[in-house]
Amino acid sequence: MNWYIKVLKNYVNFSGRAQRAEYWFYFLFNCLAAIIMRVLDNVLGTAPAEGGVGVLYMLYALAVLLPSLAVAVRRLHDTGRSGWMLLLSLIPCVGAIVLLVFVTQDSAPGANLYGPNPKGA
């Protein structure tokens, strides 16, 4: 939970580096919160009857849009890549797979163009 809070506090910082743990724990808690919002939308009746997203889910998604982009860019920086590589996600199928490979890789050792290694090693 600390990683999630850390990302939310650092929500507009697109510079620096983010460890794998920071990125993946944020991703995990973000997915759990999104599921909870979808369930609450259905329980409270704020989701459309014909399907789609409800009000609570949409508000949550908008609230975490910038923090999600920022932590993804910092994670790419940690692997030695530019944050602009995030645009690969616009390529159908292949882009998401390539980004998944990038964010699962270990940190680039030592300091790189984007700052010191967040692991402290």
PDB file of N, CA and C in Angstrom:
ATOM      1  N   MET A   1       0.821  -1.193   0.000  1.00  0.00           N
ATOM      2  CA  MET A   1       0.000   0.000   0.000  1.00  0.00           C
ATOM      3  C   MET A   1       0.868   1.261   0.000  1.00  0.00           C
ATOM      4  N   ASN A   2       2.055   1.154   0.608  1.00  0.00           N
ATOM      5  CA  ASN A   2       2.957   2.310   0.651  1.00  0.00           C
ATOM      6  C   ASN A   2       3.393   2.735  -0.753  1.00  0.00           C
ATOM      7  N   TRP A   3       3.592   1.751  -1.640  1.00  0.00           N
ATOM      8  CA  TRP A   3       3.996   2.071  -3.010  1.00  0.00           C
ATOM      9  C   TRP A   3       2.886   2.849  -3.711  1.00  0.00           C
ATOM     10  N   TYR A   4       1.645   2.455  -3.481  1.00  0.00           N
ATOM     11  CA  TYR A   4       0.502   3.120  -4.104  1.00  0.00           C
ATOM     12  C   TYR A   4       0.422   4.576  -3.653  1.00  0.00           C
ATOM     13  N   ILE A   5       0.558   4.786  -2.353  1.00  0.00           N
ATOM     14  CA  ILE A   5       0.518   6.143  -1.795  1.00  0.00           C
ATOM     15  C   ILE A   5       1.695   6.967  -2.322  1.00  0.00           C
ATOM     16  N   LYS A   6       2.861   6.327  -2.406  1.00  0.00           N
ATOM     17  CA  LYS A   6       4.048   7.034  -2.905  1.00  0.00           C
ATOM     18  C   LYS A   6       3.836   7.538  -4.334  1.00  0.00           C
ATOM     19  N   VAL A   7       3.245   6.699  -5.173  1.00  0.00           N
ATOM     20  CA  VAL A   7       2.989   7.098  -6.560  1.00  0.00           C
ATOM     21  C   VAL A   7       1.959   8.226  -6.604  1.00  0.00           C
ATOM     22  N   LEU A   8       0.924   8.129  -5.795  1.00  0.00           N
ATOM     23  CA  LEU A   8      -0.100   9.179  -5.802  1.00  0.00           C
ATOM     24  C   LEU A   8       0.457  10.516  -5.313  1.00  0.00           C
ATOM     25  N   LYS A   9       1.369  10.480  -4.338  1.00  0.00           N
ATOM     26  CA  LYS A   9       1.987  11.721  -3.866  1.00  0.00           C
ATOM     27  C   LYS A   9       2.925  12.322  -4.903  1.00  0.00           C
ATOM     28  N   ASN A  10       3.497  11.465  -5.736  1.00  0.00           N
ATOM     29  CA  ASN A  10       4.475  11.862  -6.745  1.00  0.00           C
ATOM     30  C   ASN A  10       3.811  11.879  -8.128  1.00  0.00           C
ATOM     31  N   TYR A  11       2.561  12.322  -8.181  1.00  0.00           N
ATOM     32  CA  TYR A  11       1.712  12.062  -9.338  1.00  0.00           C
ATOM     33  C   TYR A  11       2.059  12.827 -10.607  1.00  0.00           C
ATOM     34  N   VAL A  12       2.757  13.930 -10.531  1.00  0.00           N
ATOM     35  CA  VAL A  12       3.101  14.654 -11.765  1.00  0.00           C
ATOM     36  C   VAL A  12       4.604  14.663 -12.028  1.00  0.00           C
ATOM     37  N   ASN A  13       5.336  13.810 -11.367  1.00  0.00           N
ATOM     38  CA  ASN A  13       6.778  13.745 -11.566  1.00  0.00           C
ATOM     39  C   ASN A  13       7.083  12.729 -12.664  1.00  0.00           C
ATOM     40  N   PHE A  14       7.400  13.248 -13.832  1.00  0.00           N
ATOM     41  CA  PHE A  14       7.720  12.384 -14.967  1.00  0.00           C
ATOM     42  C   PHE A  14       9.228  12.210 -15.124  1.00  0.00           C
ATOM     43  N   SER A  15      10.006  12.728 -14.195  1.00  0.00           N
ATOM     44  CA  SER A  15      11.459  12.571 -14.262  1.00  0.00           C
ATOM     45  C   SER A  15      11.893  11.625 -13.150  1.00  0.00           C
ATOM     46  N   GLY A  16      13.058  11.076 -13.313  1.00  0.00           N
ATOM     47  CA  GLY A  16      13.562  10.133 -12.328  1.00  0.00           C
ATOM     48  C   GLY A  16      13.271   8.698 -12.734  1.00  0.00           C
ATOM     49  N   ARG A  17      13.406   7.816 -11.756  1.00  0.00           N
ATOM     50  CA  ARG A  17      13.281   6.387 -12.021  1.00  0.00           C
ATOM     51  C   ARG A  17      12.362   5.744 -10.993  1.00  0.00           C
ATOM     52  N   ALA A  18      11.707   4.654 -11.385  1.00  0.00           N
ATOM     53  CA  ALA A  18      10.829   3.903 -10.491  1.00  0.00           C
ATOM     54  C   ALA A  18      11.210   2.429 -10.534  1.00  0.00           C
ATOM     55  N   GLN A  19      11.381   1.841  -9.374  1.00  0.00           N
ATOM     56  CA  GLN A  19      11.720   0.423  -9.280  1.00  0.00           C
ATOM     57  C   GLN A  19      10.569  -0.440  -9.793  1.00  0.00           C
ATOM     58  N   ARG A  20      10.885  -1.701 -10.078  1.00  0.00           N
ATOM     59  CA  ARG A  20       9.844  -2.634 -10.474  1.00  0.00           C
ATOM     60  C   ARG A  20       8.783  -2.765  -9.398  1.00  0.00           C
ATOM     61  N   ALA A  21       9.207  -2.836  -8.132  1.00  0.00           N
ATOM     62  CA  ALA A  21       8.256  -2.998  -7.032  1.00  0.00           C
ATOM     63  C   ALA A  21       7.287  -1.821  -6.973  1.00  0.00           C
ATOM     64  N   GLU A  22       7.795  -0.620  -7.134  1.00  0.00           N
ATOM     65  CA  GLU A  22       6.932   0.565  -7.106  1.00  0.00           C
ATOM     66  C   GLU A  22       5.883   0.482  -8.205  1.00  0.00           C
ATOM     67  N   TYR A  23       6.320   0.144  -9.402  1.00  0.00           N
ATOM     68  CA  TYR A  23       5.401   0.072 -10.531  1.00  0.00           C
ATOM     69  C   TYR A  23       4.380  -1.036 -10.340  1.00  0.00           C
ATOM     70  N   TRP A  24       4.806  -2.242 -10.018  1.00  0.00           N
ATOM     71  CA  TRP A  24       3.888  -3.377  -9.969  1.00  0.00           C
ATOM     72  C   TRP A  24       2.963  -3.352  -8.759  1.00  0.00           C
ATOM     73  N   PHE A  25       3.433  -2.842  -7.614  1.00  0.00           N
ATOM     74  CA  PHE A  25       2.520  -2.721  -6.477  1.00  0.00           C
ATOM     75  C   PHE A  25       1.481  -1.635  -6.753  1.00  0.00           C
ATOM     76  N   TYR A  26       1.864  -0.562  -7.398  1.00  0.00           N
ATOM     77  CA  TYR A  26       0.898   0.454  -7.800  1.00  0.00           C
ATOM     78  C   TYR A  26      -0.116  -0.161  -8.759  1.00  0.00           C
ATOM     79  N   PHE A  27       0.364  -0.914  -9.727  1.00  0.00           N
ATOM     80  CA  PHE A  27      -0.506  -1.563 -10.702  1.00  0.00           C
ATOM     81  C   PHE A  27      -1.496  -2.497 -10.001  1.00  0.00           C
ATOM     82  N   LEU A  28      -1.019  -3.278  -9.046  1.00  0.00           N
ATOM     83  CA  LEU A  28      -1.874  -4.209  -8.314  1.00  0.00           C
ATOM     84  C   LEU A  28      -2.979  -3.472  -7.556  1.00  0.00           C
ATOM     85  N   PHE A  29      -2.613  -2.475  -6.753  1.00  0.00           N
ATOM     86  CA  PHE A  29      -3.599  -1.749  -5.966  1.00  0.00           C
ATOM     87  C   PHE A  29      -4.533  -0.935  -6.862  1.00  0.00           C
ATOM     88  N   ASN A  30      -4.028  -0.460  -7.977  1.00  0.00           N
ATOM     89  CA  ASN A  30      -4.860   0.257  -8.921  1.00  0.00           C
ATOM     90  C   ASN A  30      -5.925  -0.674  -9.514  1.00  0.00           C
ATOM     91  N   CYS A  31      -5.533  -1.887  -9.867  1.00  0.00           N
ATOM     92  CA  CYS A  31      -6.497  -2.852 -10.401  1.00  0.00           C
ATOM     93  C   CYS A  31      -7.538  -3.224  -9.351  1.00  0.00           C
ATOM     94  N   LEU A  32      -7.094  -3.433  -8.116  1.00  0.00           N
ATOM     95  CA  LEU A  32      -8.038  -3.757  -7.041  1.00  0.00           C
ATOM     96  C   LEU A  32      -9.023  -2.612  -6.810  1.00  0.00           C
ATOM     97  N   ALA A  33      -8.539  -1.387  -6.791  1.00  0.00           N
ATOM     98  CA  ALA A  33      -9.414  -0.228  -6.601  1.00  0.00           C
ATOM     99  C   ALA A  33     -10.391  -0.091  -7.764  1.00  0.00           C
ATOM    100  N   ALA A  34      -9.943  -0.364  -8.971  1.00  0.00           N
ATOM    101  CA  ALA A  34     -10.825  -0.278 -10.140  1.00  0.00           C
ATOM    102  C   ALA A  34     -11.934  -1.329 -10.052  1.00  0.00           C
ATOM    103  N   ILE A  35     -11.590  -2.526  -9.613  1.00  0.00           N
ATOM    104  CA  ILE A  35     -12.600  -3.576  -9.448  1.00  0.00           C
ATOM    105  C   ILE A  35     -13.618  -3.167  -8.383  1.00  0.00           C
ATOM    106  N   ILE A  36     -13.130  -2.611  -7.292  1.00  0.00           N
ATOM    107  CA  ILE A  36     -14.034  -2.155  -6.231  1.00  0.00           C
ATOM    108  C   ILE A  36     -14.965  -1.065  -6.755  1.00  0.00           C
ATOM    109  N   MET A  37     -14.452  -0.144  -7.548  1.00  0.00           N
ATOM    110  CA  MET A  37     -15.289   0.917  -8.108  1.00  0.00           C
ATOM    111  C   MET A  37     -16.351   0.352  -9.054  1.00  0.00           C
ATOM    112  N   ARG A  38     -15.998  -0.645  -9.847  1.00  0.00           N
ATOM    113  CA  ARG A  38     -16.970  -1.276 -10.747  1.00  0.00           C
ATOM    114  C   ARG A  38     -18.075  -1.956  -9.952  1.00  0.00           C
ATOM    115  N   VAL A  39     -17.688  -2.650  -8.880  1.00  0.00           N
ATOM    116  CA  VAL A  39     -18.684  -3.325  -8.037  1.00  0.00           C
ATOM    117  C   VAL A  39     -19.589  -2.292  -7.371  1.00  0.00           C
ATOM    118  N   LEU A  40     -18.993  -1.228  -6.840  1.00  0.00           N
ATOM    119  CA  LEU A  40     -19.801  -0.173  -6.211  1.00  0.00           C
ATOM    120  C   LEU A  40     -20.748   0.475  -7.211  1.00  0.00           C
ATOM    121  N   ASP A  41     -20.287   0.670  -8.439  1.00  0.00           N
ATOM    122  CA  ASP A  41     -21.169   1.220  -9.473  1.00  0.00           C
ATOM    123  C   ASP A  41     -22.384   0.323  -9.690  1.00  0.00           C
ATOM    124  N   ASN A  42     -22.148  -0.975  -9.732  1.00  0.00           N
ATOM    125  CA  ASN A  42     -23.260  -1.910  -9.946  1.00  0.00           C
ATOM    126  C   ASN A  42     -24.191  -1.967  -8.739  1.00  0.00           C
ATOM    127  N   VAL A  43     -23.621  -1.948  -7.534  1.00  0.00           N
ATOM    128  CA  VAL A  43     -24.433  -2.015  -6.319  1.00  0.00           C
ATOM    129  C   VAL A  43     -25.261  -0.744  -6.149  1.00  0.00           C
ATOM    130  N   LEU A  44     -24.653   0.402  -6.383  1.00  0.00           N
ATOM    131  CA  LEU A  44     -25.344   1.676  -6.194  1.00  0.00           C
ATOM    132  C   LEU A  44     -26.229   2.066  -7.374  1.00  0.00           C
ATOM    133  N   GLY A  45     -26.103   1.342  -8.459  1.00  0.00           N
ATOM    134  CA  GLY A  45     -26.933   1.629  -9.628  1.00  0.00           C
ATOM    135  C   GLY A  45     -26.438   2.787 -10.464  1.00  0.00           C
ATOM    136  N   THR A  46     -25.163   3.137 -10.339  1.00  0.00           N
ATOM    137  CA  THR A  46     -24.619   4.245 -11.132  1.00  0.00           C
ATOM    138  C   THR A  46     -23.999   3.775 -12.441  1.00  0.00           C
ATOM    139  N   ALA A  47     -24.042   2.463 -12.689  1.00  0.00           N
ATOM    140  CA  ALA A  47     -23.537   1.920 -13.952  1.00  0.00           C
ATOM    141  C   ALA A  47     -24.707   1.825 -14.938  1.00  0.00           C
ATOM    142  N   PRO A  48     -24.468   2.063 -16.220  1.00  0.00           N
ATOM    143  CA  PRO A  48     -25.549   1.944 -17.209  1.00  0.00           C
ATOM    144  C   PRO A  48     -26.076   0.509 -17.274  1.00  0.00           C
ATOM    145  N   ALA A  49     -27.365   0.362 -17.457  1.00  0.00           N
ATOM    146  CA  ALA A  49     -27.989  -0.969 -17.496  1.00  0.00           C
ATOM    147  C   ALA A  49     -27.510  -1.796 -18.684  1.00  0.00           C
ATOM    148  N   GLU A  50     -27.195  -1.142 -19.797  1.00  0.00           N
ATOM    149  CA  GLU A  50     -26.775  -1.873 -20.992  1.00  0.00           C
ATOM    150  C   GLU A  50     -25.283  -2.190 -21.001  1.00  0.00           C
ATOM    151  N   GLY A  51     -24.585  -1.905 -19.933  1.00  0.00           N
ATOM    152  CA  GLY A  51     -23.150  -2.168 -19.849  1.00  0.00           C
ATOM    153  C   GLY A  51     -22.367  -0.871 -19.954  1.00  0.00           C
ATOM    154  N   GLY A  52     -21.085  -0.978 -19.860  1.00  0.00           N
ATOM    155  CA  GLY A  52     -20.241   0.213 -19.905  1.00  0.00           C
ATOM    156  C   GLY A  52     -19.740   0.567 -18.513  1.00  0.00           C
ATOM    157  N   VAL A  53     -19.148   1.722 -18.399  1.00  0.00           N
ATOM    158  CA  VAL A  53     -18.558   2.127 -17.124  1.00  0.00           C
ATOM    159  C   VAL A  53     -19.485   3.063 -16.375  1.00  0.00           C
ATOM    160  N   GLY A  54     -19.404   2.961 -15.058  1.00  0.00           N
ATOM    161  CA  GLY A  54     -20.223   3.792 -14.203  1.00  0.00           C
ATOM    162  C   GLY A  54     -19.513   5.071 -13.801  1.00  0.00           C
ATOM    163  N   VAL A  55     -20.220   5.867 -13.050  1.00  0.00           N
ATOM    164  CA  VAL A  55     -19.728   7.176 -12.635  1.00  0.00           C
ATOM    165  C   VAL A  55     -18.518   7.046 -11.705  1.00  0.00           C
ATOM    166  N   LEU A  56     -18.602   6.168 -10.704  1.00  0.00           N
ATOM    167  CA  LEU A  56     -17.494   6.030  -9.747  1.00  0.00           C
ATOM    168  C   LEU A  56     -16.226   5.533 -10.427  1.00  0.00           C
ATOM    169  N   TYR A  57     -16.383   4.548 -11.292  1.00  0.00           N
ATOM    170  CA  TYR A  57     -15.223   4.018 -12.003  1.00  0.00           C
ATOM    171  C   TYR A  57     -14.595   5.093 -12.887  1.00  0.00           C
ATOM    172  N   MET A  58     -15.434   5.854 -13.583  1.00  0.00           N
ATOM    173  CA  MET A  58     -14.908   6.892 -14.470  1.00  0.00           C
ATOM    174  C   MET A  58     -14.178   7.969 -13.681  1.00  0.00           C
ATOM    175  N   LEU A  59     -14.730   8.374 -12.546  1.00  0.00           N
ATOM    176  CA  LEU A  59     -14.060   9.368 -11.703  1.00  0.00           C
ATOM    177  C   LEU A  59     -12.731   8.840 -11.185  1.00  0.00           C
ATOM    178  N   TYR A  60     -12.719   7.572 -10.780  1.00  0.00           N
ATOM    179  CA  TYR A  60     -11.468   6.974 -10.303  1.00  0.00           C
ATOM    180  C   TYR A  60     -10.438   6.909 -11.435  1.00  0.00           C
ATOM    181  N   ALA A  61     -10.869   6.476 -12.601  1.00  0.00           N
ATOM    182  CA  ALA A  61      -9.952   6.362 -13.741  1.00  0.00           C
ATOM    183  C   ALA A  61      -9.351   7.720 -14.106  1.00  0.00           C
ATOM    184  N   LEU A  62     -10.157   8.753 -14.069  1.00  0.00           N
ATOM    185  CA  LEU A  62      -9.638  10.096 -14.349  1.00  0.00           C
ATOM    186  C   LEU A  62      -8.683  10.570 -13.262  1.00  0.00           C
ATOM    187  N   ALA A  63      -8.970  10.204 -12.013  1.00  0.00           N
ATOM    188  CA  ALA A  63      -8.122  10.633 -10.898  1.00  0.00           C
ATOM    189  C   ALA A  63      -6.739   9.998 -10.945  1.00  0.00           C
ATOM    190  N   VAL A  64      -6.633   8.769 -11.435  1.00  0.00           N
ATOM    191  CA  VAL A  64      -5.334   8.084 -11.447  1.00  0.00           C
ATOM    192  C   VAL A  64      -4.670   8.086 -12.821  1.00  0.00           C
ATOM    193  N   LEU A  65      -5.218   8.830 -13.763  1.00  0.00           N
ATOM    194  CA  LEU A  65      -4.621   8.866 -15.102  1.00  0.00           C
ATOM    195  C   LEU A  65      -3.202   9.425 -15.072  1.00  0.00           C
ATOM    196  N   LEU A  66      -3.016  10.608 -14.498  1.00  0.00           N
ATOM    197  CA  LEU A  66      -1.670  11.203 -14.449  1.00  0.00           C
ATOM    198  C   LEU A  66      -0.693  10.383 -13.610  1.00  0.00           C
ATOM    199  N   PRO A  67      -1.067   9.915 -12.411  1.00  0.00           N
ATOM    200  CA  PRO A  67      -0.119   9.090 -11.660  1.00  0.00           C
ATOM    201  C   PRO A  67       0.274   7.817 -12.411  1.00  0.00           C
ATOM    202  N   SER A  68      -0.665   7.225 -13.129  1.00  0.00           N
ATOM    203  CA  SER A  68      -0.358   6.004 -13.883  1.00  0.00           C
ATOM    204  C   SER A  68       0.621   6.279 -15.015  1.00  0.00           C
ATOM    205  N   LEU A  69       0.406   7.361 -15.723  1.00  0.00           N
ATOM    206  CA  LEU A  69       1.343   7.727 -16.791  1.00  0.00           C
ATOM    207  C   LEU A  69       2.718   8.059 -16.220  1.00  0.00           C
ATOM    208  N   ALA A  70       2.740   8.793 -15.104  1.00  0.00           N
ATOM    209  CA  ALA A  70       4.014   9.203 -14.513  1.00  0.00           C
ATOM    210  C   ALA A  70       4.829   8.004 -14.041  1.00  0.00           C
ATOM    211  N   VAL A  71       4.188   7.050 -13.365  1.00  0.00           N
ATOM    212  CA  VAL A  71       4.948   5.899 -12.874  1.00  0.00           C
ATOM    213  C   VAL A  71       5.401   5.013 -14.037  1.00  0.00           C
ATOM    214  N   ALA A  72       4.623   4.933 -15.101  1.00  0.00           N
ATOM    215  CA  ALA A  72       5.039   4.157 -16.270  1.00  0.00           C
ATOM    216  C   ALA A  72       6.254   4.804 -16.941  1.00  0.00           C
ATOM    217  N   VAL A  73       6.246   6.120 -17.051  1.00  0.00           N
ATOM    218  CA  VAL A  73       7.390   6.829 -17.647  1.00  0.00           C
ATOM    219  C   VAL A  73       8.628   6.639 -16.778  1.00  0.00           C
ATOM    220  N   ARG A  74       8.478   6.778 -15.453  1.00  0.00           N
ATOM    221  CA  ARG A  74       9.629   6.584 -14.559  1.00  0.00           C
ATOM    222  C   ARG A  74      10.128   5.150 -14.613  1.00  0.00           C
ATOM    223  N   ARG A  75       9.223   4.181 -14.797  1.00  0.00           N
ATOM    224  CA  ARG A  75       9.646   2.782 -14.914  1.00  0.00           C
ATOM    225  C   ARG A  75      10.453   2.578 -16.197  1.00  0.00           C
ATOM    226  N   LEU A  76      10.023   3.187 -17.289  1.00  0.00           N
ATOM    227  CA  LEU A  76      10.794   3.098 -18.531  1.00  0.00           C
ATOM    228  C   LEU A  76      12.155   3.766 -18.370  1.00  0.00           C
ATOM    229  N   HIS A  77      12.183   4.879 -17.661  1.00  0.00           N
ATOM    230  CA  HIS A  77      13.466   5.541 -17.379  1.00  0.00           C
ATOM    231  C   HIS A  77      14.392   4.613 -16.610  1.00  0.00           C
ATOM    232  N   ASP A  78      13.838   3.839 -15.685  1.00  0.00           N
ATOM    233  CA  ASP A  78      14.655   2.940 -14.873  1.00  0.00           C
ATOM    234  C   ASP A  78      15.317   1.861 -15.714  1.00  0.00           C
ATOM    235  N   THR A  79      14.678   1.493 -16.818  1.00  0.00           N
ATOM    236  CA  THR A  79      15.277   0.483 -17.696  1.00  0.00           C
ATOM    237  C   THR A  79      16.159   1.114 -18.765  1.00  0.00           C
ATOM    238  N   GLY A  80      16.342   2.445 -18.689  1.00  0.00           N
ATOM    239  CA  GLY A  80      17.224   3.122 -19.635  1.00  0.00           C
ATOM    240  C   GLY A  80      16.534   3.556 -20.911  1.00  0.00           C
ATOM    241  N   ARG A  81      15.200   3.580 -20.909  1.00  0.00           N
ATOM    242  CA  ARG A  81      14.459   3.968 -22.099  1.00  0.00           C
ATOM    243  C   ARG A  81      13.760   5.303 -21.889  1.00  0.00           C
ATOM    244  N   SER A  82      13.457   5.955 -22.977  1.00  0.00           N
ATOM    245  CA  SER A  82      12.737   7.226 -22.926  1.00  0.00           C
ATOM    246  C   SER A  82      11.273   6.976 -22.562  1.00  0.00           C
ATOM    247  N   GLY A  83      10.679   7.937 -21.888  1.00  0.00           N
ATOM    248  CA  GLY A  83       9.264   7.840 -21.564  1.00  0.00           C
ATOM    249  C   GLY A  83       8.375   7.868 -22.795  1.00  0.00           C
ATOM    250  N   TRP A  84       8.901   8.377 -23.876  1.00  0.00           N
ATOM    251  CA  TRP A  84       8.142   8.408 -25.124  1.00  0.00           C
ATOM    252  C   TRP A  84       7.861   7.008 -25.645  1.00  0.00           C
ATOM    253  N   MET A  85       8.588   6.017 -25.145  1.00  0.00           N
ATOM    254  CA  MET A  85       8.335   4.625 -25.542  1.00  0.00           C
ATOM    255  C   MET A  85       6.939   4.185 -25.111  1.00  0.00           C
ATOM    256  N   LEU A  86       6.337   4.915 -24.202  1.00  0.00           N
ATOM    257  CA  LEU A  86       4.978   4.611 -23.756  1.00  0.00           C
ATOM    258  C   LEU A  86       3.987   4.714 -24.917  1.00  0.00           C
ATOM    259  N   LEU A  87       4.346   5.482 -25.929  1.00  0.00           N
ATOM    260  CA  LEU A  87       3.486   5.603 -27.108  1.00  0.00           C
ATOM    261  C   LEU A  87       3.393   4.302 -27.896  1.00  0.00           C
ATOM    262  N   LEU A  88       4.260   3.347 -27.597  1.00  0.00           N
ATOM    263  CA  LEU A  88       4.154   2.035 -28.239  1.00  0.00           C
ATOM    264  C   LEU A  88       2.816   1.374 -27.928  1.00  0.00           C
ATOM    265  N   SER A  89       2.208   1.772 -26.827  1.00  0.00           N
ATOM    266  CA  SER A  89       0.918   1.174 -26.455  1.00  0.00           C
ATOM    267  C   SER A  89      -0.171   1.497 -27.480  1.00  0.00           C
ATOM    268  N   LEU A  90       0.063   2.460 -28.342  1.00  0.00           N
ATOM    269  CA  LEU A  90      -0.905   2.801 -29.384  1.00  0.00           C
ATOM    270  C   LEU A  90      -0.889   1.821 -30.548  1.00  0.00           C
ATOM    271  N   ILE A  91       0.157   1.003 -30.628  1.00  0.00           N
ATOM    272  CA  ILE A  91       0.240  -0.017 -31.676  1.00  0.00           C
ATOM    273  C   ILE A  91      -0.578  -1.215 -31.201  1.00  0.00           C
ATOM    274  N   PRO A  92      -1.600  -1.613 -31.944  1.00  0.00           N
ATOM    275  CA  PRO A  92      -2.446  -2.725 -31.496  1.00  0.00           C
ATOM    276  C   PRO A  92      -1.642  -4.012 -31.282  1.00  0.00           C
ATOM    277  N   CYS A  93      -1.958  -4.704 -30.224  1.00  0.00           N
ATOM    278  CA  CYS A  93      -1.393  -5.999 -29.825  1.00  0.00           C
ATOM    279  C   CYS A  93       0.108  -5.949 -29.535  1.00  0.00           C
ATOM    280  N   VAL A  94       0.899  -5.650 -30.531  1.00  0.00           N
ATOM    281  CA  VAL A  94       2.351  -5.697 -30.397  1.00  0.00           C
ATOM    282  C   VAL A  94       2.862  -4.673 -29.391  1.00  0.00           C
ATOM    283  N   GLY A  95       2.314  -3.479 -29.396  1.00  0.00           N
ATOM    284  CA  GLY A  95       2.775  -2.415 -28.506  1.00  0.00           C
ATOM    285  C   GLY A  95       2.646  -2.782 -27.043  1.00  0.00           C
ATOM    286  N   ALA A  96       1.520  -3.368 -26.663  1.00  0.00           N
ATOM    287  CA  ALA A  96       1.305  -3.752 -25.269  1.00  0.00           C
ATOM    288  C   ALA A  96       2.283  -4.847 -24.844  1.00  0.00           C
ATOM    289  N   ILE A  97       2.565  -5.773 -25.730  1.00  0.00           N
ATOM    290  CA  ILE A  97       3.500  -6.856 -25.416  1.00  0.00           C
ATOM    291  C   ILE A  97       4.911  -6.313 -25.233  1.00  0.00           C
ATOM    292  N   VAL A  98       5.322  -5.420 -26.116  1.00  0.00           N
ATOM    293  CA  VAL A  98       6.655  -4.821 -26.021  1.00  0.00           C
ATOM    294  C   VAL A  98       6.787  -4.032 -24.721  1.00  0.00           C
ATOM    295  N   LEU A  99       5.770  -3.240 -24.373  1.00  0.00           N
ATOM    296  CA  LEU A  99       5.811  -2.480 -23.126  1.00  0.00           C
ATOM    297  C   LEU A  99       5.839  -3.391 -21.913  1.00  0.00           C
ATOM    298  N   LEU A 100       5.117  -4.486 -21.971  1.00  0.00           N
ATOM    299  CA  LEU A 100       5.141  -5.450 -20.868  1.00  0.00           C
ATOM    300  C   LEU A 100       6.549  -6.003 -20.663  1.00  0.00           C
ATOM    301  N   VAL A 101       7.229  -6.294 -21.747  1.00  0.00           N
ATOM    302  CA  VAL A 101       8.619  -6.769 -21.655  1.00  0.00           C
ATOM    303  C   VAL A 101       9.503  -5.687 -21.044  1.00  0.00           C
ATOM    304  N   PHE A 102       9.324  -4.453 -21.471  1.00  0.00           N
ATOM    305  CA  PHE A 102      10.149  -3.356 -20.964  1.00  0.00           C
ATOM    306  C   PHE A 102       9.960  -3.139 -19.463  1.00  0.00           C
ATOM    307  N   VAL A 103       8.712  -3.118 -18.988  1.00  0.00           N
ATOM    308  CA  VAL A 103       8.475  -2.809 -17.575  1.00  0.00           C
ATOM    309  C   VAL A 103       8.795  -3.972 -16.651  1.00  0.00           C
ATOM    310  N   THR A 104       8.941  -5.185 -17.196  1.00  0.00           N
ATOM    311  CA  THR A 104       9.319  -6.315 -16.352  1.00  0.00           C
ATOM    312  C   THR A 104      10.827  -6.498 -16.255  1.00  0.00           C
ATOM    313  N   GLN A 105      11.582  -5.802 -17.081  1.00  0.00           N
ATOM    314  CA  GLN A 105      13.037  -5.929 -17.037  1.00  0.00           C
ATOM    315  C   GLN A 105      13.598  -5.279 -15.778  1.00  0.00           C
ATOM    316  N   ASP A 106      14.771  -5.741 -15.376  1.00  0.00           N
ATOM    317  CA  ASP A 106      15.448  -5.202 -14.203  1.00  0.00           C
ATOM    318  C   ASP A 106      15.973  -3.793 -14.503  1.00  0.00           C
ATOM    319  N   SER A 107      16.268  -3.082 -13.451  1.00  0.00           N
ATOM    320  CA  SER A 107      16.801  -1.722 -13.573  1.00  0.00           C
ATOM    321  C   SER A 107      18.132  -1.728 -14.300  1.00  0.00           C
ATOM    322  N   ALA A 108      18.389  -0.647 -15.013  1.00  0.00           N
ATOM    323  CA  ALA A 108      19.714  -0.466 -15.592  1.00  0.00           C
ATOM    324  C   ALA A 108      20.685  -0.238 -14.436  1.00  0.00           C
ATOM    325  N   PRO A 109      21.810  -0.946 -14.412  1.00  0.00           N
ATOM    326  CA  PRO A 109      22.725  -0.815 -13.266  1.00  0.00           C
ATOM    327  C   PRO A 109      23.344   0.578 -13.193  1.00  0.00           C
ATOM    328  N   GLY A 110      23.514   1.043 -11.971  1.00  0.00           N
ATOM    329  CA  GLY A 110      24.141   2.346 -11.754  1.00  0.00           C
ATOM    330  C   GLY A 110      23.261   3.492 -12.213  1.00  0.00           C
ATOM    331  N   ALA A 111      23.854   4.661 -12.238  1.00  0.00           N
ATOM    332  CA  ALA A 111      23.130   5.852 -12.686  1.00  0.00           C
ATOM    333  C   ALA A 111      23.011   5.837 -14.208  1.00  0.00           C
ATOM    334  N   ASN A 112      21.930   6.393 -14.694  1.00  0.00           N
ATOM    335  CA  ASN A 112      21.786   6.551 -16.135  1.00  0.00           C
ATOM    336  C   ASN A 112      21.357   7.989 -16.421  1.00  0.00           C
ATOM    337  N   LEU A 113      20.948   8.240 -17.637  1.00  0.00           N
ATOM    338  CA  LEU A 113      20.574   9.581 -18.063  1.00  0.00           C
ATOM    339  C   LEU A 113      19.447  10.171 -17.212  1.00  0.00           C
ATOM    340  N   TYR A 114      18.646   9.309 -16.584  1.00  0.00           N
ATOM    341  CA  TYR A 114      17.456   9.761 -15.852  1.00  0.00           C
ATOM    342  C   TYR A 114      17.658   9.851 -14.345  1.00  0.00           C
ATOM    343  N   GLY A 115      18.838   9.519 -13.872  1.00  0.00           N
ATOM    344  CA  GLY A 115      19.118   9.659 -12.453  1.00  0.00           C
ATOM    345  C   GLY A 115      19.785   8.434 -11.856  1.00  0.00           C
ATOM    346  N   PRO A 116      20.010   8.467 -10.530  1.00  0.00           N
ATOM    347  CA  PRO A 116      20.650   7.325  -9.866  1.00  0.00           C
ATOM    348  C   PRO A 116      19.689   6.151  -9.760  1.00  0.00           C
ATOM    349  N   ASN A 117      20.272   4.975  -9.596  1.00  0.00           N
ATOM    350  CA  ASN A 117      19.474   3.759  -9.451  1.00  0.00           C
ATOM    351  C   ASN A 117      18.645   3.840  -8.169  1.00  0.00           C
ATOM    352  N   PRO A 118      17.319   3.658  -8.248  1.00  0.00           N
ATOM    353  CA  PRO A 118      16.481   3.760  -7.054  1.00  0.00           C
ATOM    354  C   PRO A 118      16.710   2.635  -6.055  1.00  0.00           C
ATOM    355  N   LYS A 119      17.345   1.561  -6.482  1.00  0.00           N
ATOM    356  CA  LYS A 119      17.652   0.470  -5.560  1.00  0.00           C
ATOM    357  C   LYS A 119      18.802   0.838  -4.631  1.00  0.00           C
ATOM    358  N   GLY A 120      19.543   1.836  -4.996  1.00  0.00           N
ATOM    359  CA  GLY A 120      20.682   2.250  -4.187  1.00  0.00           C
ATOM    360  C   GLY A 120      21.897   1.386  -4.397  1.00  0.00           C
ATOM    361  N   ALA A 121      21.839   0.482  -5.362  1.00  0.00           N
ATOM    362  CA  ALA A 121      22.969  -0.415  -5.612  1.00  0.00           C
ATOM    363  C   ALA A 121      23.883   0.167  -6.648  1.00  0.00           C
TER     364      ALA A 121
END
